[in-house]
N, C-alpha and C. Protein backbone atom coordinates (compact mmCIF):
# COMPACT_ATOMS: atom_id res chain seq x y z
N UNK A 1 142.06 -104.49 -74.72
CA UNK A 1 142.80 -105.15 -73.67
C UNK A 1 141.88 -105.49 -72.48
N UNK A 2 141.04 -104.53 -72.11
CA UNK A 2 140.14 -104.78 -70.99
C UNK A 2 139.14 -105.89 -71.32
N UNK A 3 138.71 -105.94 -72.56
CA UNK A 3 137.77 -107.00 -72.94
C UNK A 3 138.41 -108.37 -72.78
N UNK A 4 139.71 -108.49 -73.10
CA UNK A 4 140.39 -109.76 -72.92
C UNK A 4 140.54 -110.10 -71.44
N UNK A 5 140.88 -109.11 -70.62
CA UNK A 5 141.05 -109.37 -69.19
C UNK A 5 139.75 -109.82 -68.52
N UNK A 6 138.62 -109.32 -69.01
CA UNK A 6 137.34 -109.68 -68.42
C UNK A 6 136.68 -110.87 -69.10
N UNK A 7 137.31 -111.43 -70.13
CA UNK A 7 136.70 -112.57 -70.83
C UNK A 7 137.06 -113.88 -70.14
N UNK A 8 136.43 -114.95 -70.60
CA UNK A 8 136.69 -116.28 -70.06
C UNK A 8 138.01 -116.84 -70.54
N UNK A 9 138.56 -116.28 -71.63
CA UNK A 9 139.82 -116.78 -72.18
C UNK A 9 141.01 -116.43 -71.29
N UNK A 10 140.88 -115.39 -70.53
CA UNK A 10 141.95 -114.96 -69.63
C UNK A 10 141.72 -115.60 -68.26
N UNK A 11 142.49 -116.63 -67.97
CA UNK A 11 142.31 -117.37 -66.72
C UNK A 11 143.02 -116.66 -65.57
N UNK A 12 142.80 -117.17 -64.38
CA UNK A 12 143.48 -116.61 -63.20
C UNK A 12 144.98 -116.77 -63.31
N UNK A 13 145.43 -117.87 -63.92
CA UNK A 13 146.86 -118.11 -64.07
C UNK A 13 147.51 -117.06 -64.97
N UNK A 14 146.83 -116.70 -66.06
CA UNK A 14 147.36 -115.68 -66.97
C UNK A 14 147.44 -114.34 -66.25
N UNK A 15 146.41 -114.03 -65.48
CA UNK A 15 146.40 -112.76 -64.73
C UNK A 15 147.50 -112.77 -63.66
N UNK A 16 147.72 -113.92 -63.03
CA UNK A 16 148.76 -114.02 -62.02
C UNK A 16 150.14 -113.88 -62.64
N UNK A 17 150.35 -114.50 -63.80
CA UNK A 17 151.64 -114.37 -64.49
C UNK A 17 151.87 -112.92 -64.90
N UNK A 18 150.83 -112.26 -65.40
CA UNK A 18 150.96 -110.85 -65.76
C UNK A 18 151.29 -110.00 -64.54
N UNK A 19 150.71 -110.33 -63.39
CA UNK A 19 151.01 -109.60 -62.15
C UNK A 19 152.46 -109.80 -61.72
N UNK A 20 152.94 -111.02 -61.82
CA UNK A 20 154.32 -111.31 -61.42
C UNK A 20 155.30 -110.61 -62.34
N UNK A 21 155.05 -110.64 -63.64
CA UNK A 21 155.94 -109.96 -64.58
C UNK A 21 155.92 -108.45 -64.34
N UNK A 22 154.74 -107.91 -64.09
CA UNK A 22 154.63 -106.48 -63.80
C UNK A 22 155.37 -106.12 -62.53
N UNK A 23 155.27 -106.96 -61.50
CA UNK A 23 156.01 -106.71 -60.26
C UNK A 23 157.51 -106.78 -60.48
N UNK A 24 157.96 -107.69 -61.34
CA UNK A 24 159.39 -107.79 -61.63
C UNK A 24 159.89 -106.53 -62.34
N UNK A 25 159.10 -106.02 -63.28
CA UNK A 25 159.49 -104.79 -63.98
C UNK A 25 159.51 -103.61 -63.01
N UNK A 26 158.51 -103.54 -62.14
CA UNK A 26 158.47 -102.47 -61.14
C UNK A 26 159.67 -102.56 -60.21
N UNK A 27 160.04 -103.77 -59.80
CA UNK A 27 161.18 -103.96 -58.90
C UNK A 27 162.47 -103.51 -59.58
N UNK A 28 162.64 -103.85 -60.85
CA UNK A 28 163.84 -103.43 -61.57
C UNK A 28 163.91 -101.91 -61.67
N UNK A 29 162.79 -101.29 -62.03
CA UNK A 29 162.78 -99.83 -62.16
C UNK A 29 162.96 -99.14 -60.81
N UNK A 30 162.45 -99.75 -59.74
CA UNK A 30 162.60 -99.12 -58.42
C UNK A 30 164.02 -99.23 -57.90
N UNK A 31 164.81 -100.15 -58.43
CA UNK A 31 166.21 -100.22 -58.02
C UNK A 31 167.00 -99.03 -58.57
N UNK A 32 166.48 -98.40 -59.62
CA UNK A 32 167.14 -97.24 -60.20
C UNK A 32 166.56 -95.94 -59.65
N UNK A 33 165.24 -95.84 -59.66
CA UNK A 33 164.55 -94.64 -59.16
C UNK A 33 163.27 -95.07 -58.46
N UNK A 34 163.09 -94.65 -57.23
CA UNK A 34 161.90 -95.03 -56.46
C UNK A 34 160.78 -94.03 -56.69
N UNK A 35 159.58 -94.55 -56.85
CA UNK A 35 158.39 -93.72 -56.98
C UNK A 35 157.90 -93.38 -55.57
N UNK A 36 157.41 -92.17 -55.39
CA UNK A 36 156.97 -91.77 -54.06
C UNK A 36 155.75 -92.58 -53.63
N UNK A 37 155.54 -92.65 -52.34
CA UNK A 37 154.43 -93.43 -51.79
C UNK A 37 153.09 -92.86 -52.22
N UNK A 38 152.98 -91.55 -52.23
CA UNK A 38 151.71 -90.92 -52.61
C UNK A 38 151.36 -91.24 -54.06
N UNK A 39 152.34 -91.15 -54.96
CA UNK A 39 152.06 -91.47 -56.36
C UNK A 39 151.79 -92.95 -56.56
N UNK A 40 152.45 -93.80 -55.77
CA UNK A 40 152.19 -95.23 -55.85
C UNK A 40 150.75 -95.53 -55.46
N UNK A 41 150.30 -94.98 -54.35
CA UNK A 41 148.92 -95.19 -53.91
C UNK A 41 147.92 -94.62 -54.90
N UNK A 42 148.25 -93.47 -55.49
CA UNK A 42 147.37 -92.86 -56.47
C UNK A 42 147.24 -93.74 -57.71
N UNK A 43 148.35 -94.33 -58.15
CA UNK A 43 148.31 -95.23 -59.30
C UNK A 43 147.51 -96.50 -58.99
N UNK A 44 147.70 -97.05 -57.80
CA UNK A 44 146.92 -98.23 -57.41
C UNK A 44 145.43 -97.92 -57.36
N UNK A 45 145.07 -96.75 -56.83
CA UNK A 45 143.66 -96.36 -56.77
C UNK A 45 143.10 -96.10 -58.17
N UNK A 46 143.92 -95.59 -59.07
CA UNK A 46 143.47 -95.36 -60.43
C UNK A 46 143.17 -96.69 -61.13
N UNK A 47 144.01 -97.69 -60.92
CA UNK A 47 143.76 -99.01 -61.49
C UNK A 47 142.52 -99.66 -60.89
N UNK A 48 142.35 -99.53 -59.57
CA UNK A 48 141.17 -100.10 -58.92
C UNK A 48 139.90 -99.37 -59.36
N UNK A 49 139.99 -98.05 -59.55
CA UNK A 49 138.81 -97.31 -60.01
C UNK A 49 138.45 -97.70 -61.44
N UNK A 50 139.43 -98.06 -62.24
CA UNK A 50 139.15 -98.56 -63.58
C UNK A 50 138.35 -99.86 -63.51
N UNK A 51 138.70 -100.72 -62.57
CA UNK A 51 137.96 -101.97 -62.38
C UNK A 51 136.54 -101.68 -61.90
N UNK A 52 136.38 -100.78 -60.97
CA UNK A 52 135.05 -100.45 -60.44
C UNK A 52 134.17 -99.84 -61.52
N UNK A 53 134.73 -98.93 -62.32
CA UNK A 53 133.96 -98.34 -63.40
C UNK A 53 133.55 -99.38 -64.44
N UNK A 54 134.45 -100.33 -64.71
CA UNK A 54 134.13 -101.39 -65.67
C UNK A 54 132.97 -102.25 -65.15
N UNK A 55 133.02 -102.63 -63.89
CA UNK A 55 131.96 -103.44 -63.29
C UNK A 55 130.63 -102.67 -63.31
N UNK A 56 130.67 -101.39 -62.96
CA UNK A 56 129.44 -100.59 -62.97
C UNK A 56 128.89 -100.42 -64.38
N UNK A 57 129.76 -100.26 -65.36
CA UNK A 57 129.28 -100.10 -66.73
C UNK A 57 128.67 -101.38 -67.26
N UNK A 58 129.12 -102.53 -66.78
CA UNK A 58 128.53 -103.79 -67.21
C UNK A 58 127.16 -104.03 -66.55
N UNK A 59 126.94 -103.47 -65.38
CA UNK A 59 125.67 -103.66 -64.68
C UNK A 59 124.57 -102.75 -65.17
N UNK A 60 124.93 -101.63 -65.79
CA UNK A 60 123.92 -100.69 -66.28
C UNK A 60 123.41 -101.17 -67.63
N UNK A 61 122.09 -101.27 -67.80
CA UNK A 61 121.54 -101.69 -69.10
C UNK A 61 121.90 -100.69 -70.20
N UNK A 62 122.01 -101.18 -71.42
CA UNK A 62 122.45 -100.34 -72.54
C UNK A 62 121.45 -99.24 -72.89
N UNK A 63 120.18 -99.43 -72.55
CA UNK A 63 119.18 -98.42 -72.89
C UNK A 63 119.12 -97.26 -71.89
N UNK A 64 119.83 -97.35 -70.80
CA UNK A 64 119.87 -96.26 -69.82
C UNK A 64 120.71 -95.10 -70.37
N UNK A 65 120.34 -93.86 -70.05
CA UNK A 65 121.12 -92.72 -70.55
C UNK A 65 122.52 -92.64 -69.92
N UNK A 66 122.71 -93.27 -68.77
CA UNK A 66 124.01 -93.21 -68.10
C UNK A 66 125.02 -94.18 -68.70
N UNK A 67 124.58 -95.14 -69.48
CA UNK A 67 125.47 -96.17 -70.01
C UNK A 67 126.54 -95.55 -70.92
N UNK A 68 126.14 -94.63 -71.75
CA UNK A 68 127.11 -93.99 -72.66
C UNK A 68 128.10 -93.14 -71.87
N UNK A 69 127.65 -92.49 -70.82
CA UNK A 69 128.54 -91.69 -69.99
C UNK A 69 129.58 -92.55 -69.28
N UNK A 70 129.20 -93.73 -68.83
CA UNK A 70 130.17 -94.63 -68.20
C UNK A 70 131.20 -95.11 -69.20
N UNK A 71 130.78 -95.32 -70.45
CA UNK A 71 131.74 -95.73 -71.48
C UNK A 71 132.78 -94.64 -71.70
N UNK A 72 132.32 -93.40 -71.79
CA UNK A 72 133.25 -92.29 -71.98
C UNK A 72 134.16 -92.13 -70.77
N UNK A 73 133.61 -92.26 -69.59
CA UNK A 73 134.40 -92.15 -68.37
C UNK A 73 135.44 -93.27 -68.29
N UNK A 74 135.05 -94.46 -68.70
CA UNK A 74 135.95 -95.60 -68.70
C UNK A 74 137.08 -95.40 -69.70
N UNK A 75 136.79 -94.75 -70.81
CA UNK A 75 137.82 -94.50 -71.83
C UNK A 75 138.73 -93.33 -71.47
N UNK A 76 138.21 -92.34 -70.76
CA UNK A 76 138.97 -91.12 -70.53
C UNK A 76 139.69 -91.05 -69.19
N UNK A 77 139.14 -91.67 -68.15
CA UNK A 77 139.74 -91.55 -66.82
C UNK A 77 141.15 -92.12 -66.73
N UNK A 78 141.40 -93.35 -67.14
CA UNK A 78 142.76 -93.88 -66.97
C UNK A 78 143.84 -93.12 -67.75
N UNK A 79 143.62 -92.80 -69.04
CA UNK A 79 144.70 -92.06 -69.72
C UNK A 79 144.92 -90.67 -69.14
N UNK A 80 143.84 -89.97 -68.80
CA UNK A 80 144.01 -88.63 -68.24
C UNK A 80 144.68 -88.67 -66.87
N UNK A 81 144.28 -89.64 -66.05
CA UNK A 81 144.93 -89.79 -64.74
C UNK A 81 146.39 -90.15 -64.87
N UNK A 82 146.72 -91.03 -65.80
CA UNK A 82 148.11 -91.44 -65.99
C UNK A 82 148.94 -90.29 -66.55
N UNK A 83 148.38 -89.52 -67.46
CA UNK A 83 149.10 -88.35 -67.99
C UNK A 83 149.35 -87.33 -66.88
N UNK A 84 148.36 -87.13 -66.02
CA UNK A 84 148.55 -86.19 -64.91
C UNK A 84 149.64 -86.68 -63.96
N UNK A 85 149.63 -87.96 -63.65
CA UNK A 85 150.64 -88.53 -62.75
C UNK A 85 152.03 -88.43 -63.38
N UNK A 86 152.13 -88.78 -64.66
CA UNK A 86 153.43 -88.75 -65.34
C UNK A 86 153.95 -87.31 -65.45
N UNK A 87 153.04 -86.36 -65.62
CA UNK A 87 153.49 -84.96 -65.70
C UNK A 87 154.01 -84.45 -64.36
N UNK A 88 153.63 -85.08 -63.26
CA UNK A 88 154.11 -84.67 -61.94
C UNK A 88 155.33 -85.45 -61.46
N UNK A 89 155.89 -86.27 -62.30
CA UNK A 89 157.06 -87.06 -61.90
C UNK A 89 158.32 -86.21 -61.94
N UNK A 90 159.31 -86.55 -61.11
CA UNK A 90 160.59 -85.82 -61.17
C UNK A 90 161.29 -86.11 -62.50
N UNK A 91 162.07 -85.15 -62.96
CA UNK A 91 162.72 -85.28 -64.26
C UNK A 91 163.92 -86.22 -64.24
N UNK A 92 164.48 -86.48 -63.08
CA UNK A 92 165.60 -87.42 -63.02
C UNK A 92 165.05 -88.83 -63.15
N UNK A 93 165.57 -89.58 -64.09
CA UNK A 93 165.11 -90.95 -64.36
C UNK A 93 163.60 -90.99 -64.58
N UNK A 94 163.13 -90.09 -65.42
CA UNK A 94 161.71 -89.94 -65.67
C UNK A 94 161.09 -91.22 -66.22
N UNK A 95 161.78 -91.89 -67.14
CA UNK A 95 161.22 -93.07 -67.78
C UNK A 95 160.99 -94.20 -66.77
N UNK A 96 161.92 -94.39 -65.84
CA UNK A 96 161.76 -95.45 -64.84
C UNK A 96 160.59 -95.17 -63.91
N UNK A 97 160.40 -93.91 -63.58
CA UNK A 97 159.25 -93.54 -62.74
C UNK A 97 157.94 -93.72 -63.49
N UNK A 98 157.93 -93.39 -64.79
CA UNK A 98 156.72 -93.55 -65.59
C UNK A 98 156.36 -95.02 -65.75
N UNK A 99 157.35 -95.87 -65.93
CA UNK A 99 157.09 -97.31 -66.04
C UNK A 99 156.53 -97.84 -64.72
N UNK A 100 157.06 -97.36 -63.60
CA UNK A 100 156.53 -97.78 -62.30
C UNK A 100 155.09 -97.32 -62.12
N UNK A 101 154.78 -96.10 -62.54
CA UNK A 101 153.41 -95.58 -62.41
C UNK A 101 152.45 -96.43 -63.24
N UNK A 102 152.83 -96.75 -64.47
CA UNK A 102 151.99 -97.60 -65.30
C UNK A 102 151.87 -99.00 -64.71
N UNK A 103 152.96 -99.52 -64.18
CA UNK A 103 152.94 -100.84 -63.56
C UNK A 103 152.03 -100.91 -62.34
N UNK A 104 152.09 -99.90 -61.50
CA UNK A 104 151.22 -99.89 -60.32
C UNK A 104 149.75 -99.73 -60.72
N UNK A 105 149.50 -99.02 -61.81
CA UNK A 105 148.13 -98.93 -62.28
C UNK A 105 147.64 -100.29 -62.78
N UNK A 106 148.50 -101.02 -63.46
CA UNK A 106 148.15 -102.36 -63.94
C UNK A 106 147.93 -103.30 -62.76
N UNK A 107 148.79 -103.21 -61.74
CA UNK A 107 148.62 -104.04 -60.54
C UNK A 107 147.31 -103.69 -59.84
N UNK A 108 146.97 -102.41 -59.77
CA UNK A 108 145.71 -101.99 -59.17
C UNK A 108 144.50 -102.53 -59.92
N UNK A 109 144.65 -102.78 -61.21
CA UNK A 109 143.57 -103.38 -61.98
C UNK A 109 143.56 -104.90 -61.85
N UNK A 110 144.74 -105.53 -61.85
CA UNK A 110 144.81 -107.00 -61.86
C UNK A 110 144.45 -107.63 -60.52
N UNK A 111 144.80 -107.00 -59.42
CA UNK A 111 144.50 -107.60 -58.11
C UNK A 111 143.00 -107.81 -57.89
N UNK A 112 142.14 -106.83 -58.14
CA UNK A 112 140.70 -107.12 -57.99
C UNK A 112 140.20 -108.14 -59.00
N UNK A 113 140.79 -108.16 -60.20
CA UNK A 113 140.38 -109.15 -61.20
C UNK A 113 140.70 -110.56 -60.76
N UNK A 114 141.87 -110.76 -60.17
CA UNK A 114 142.25 -112.09 -59.70
C UNK A 114 141.36 -112.50 -58.53
N UNK A 115 141.10 -111.59 -57.62
CA UNK A 115 140.30 -111.89 -56.45
C UNK A 115 138.83 -112.13 -56.82
N UNK A 116 138.36 -111.47 -57.86
CA UNK A 116 136.96 -111.54 -58.25
C UNK A 116 136.54 -112.96 -58.63
N UNK A 117 137.39 -113.72 -59.26
CA UNK A 117 137.03 -115.05 -59.75
C UNK A 117 137.56 -116.18 -58.89
N UNK A 118 137.87 -115.91 -57.67
CA UNK A 118 138.42 -116.96 -56.82
C UNK A 118 137.32 -117.93 -56.40
N UNK A 119 137.72 -119.14 -56.05
CA UNK A 119 136.76 -120.14 -55.60
C UNK A 119 136.35 -119.85 -54.18
N UNK A 120 135.09 -120.06 -53.87
CA UNK A 120 134.59 -119.84 -52.52
C UNK A 120 135.07 -120.95 -51.61
N UNK A 121 135.55 -120.60 -50.43
CA UNK A 121 136.04 -121.61 -49.49
C UNK A 121 134.93 -122.18 -48.62
N UNK A 122 134.02 -121.31 -48.21
CA UNK A 122 132.95 -121.73 -47.32
C UNK A 122 131.61 -121.43 -47.98
N UNK A 123 130.70 -122.36 -47.85
CA UNK A 123 129.36 -122.11 -48.42
C UNK A 123 128.31 -122.44 -47.41
């Protein structure tokens, strides 16, 4: 999935549509059960950190010893962080809170991706 998001085939419009759909799902779930502000910010930071780790792993040459460590970190950080967040959710309407947490993590990843490829206004 990440390879598609970072490829040339995924345009800004596709990323924007995915963001809007994700926001609509989050809005629907928040009408039933609201996610706390702290968990929302944590999910957004987790998504943004996934983007930062991906960018750093692309900049490190493959022959460096740290390249393999970044790959493992990129594979393990988001699922472990999301599992930790979901395990700390309240049990009432657990599924709606979990969908919001996943949605905010996706938004935290998509916003830097959309901004990264924007056209420069001033040169």
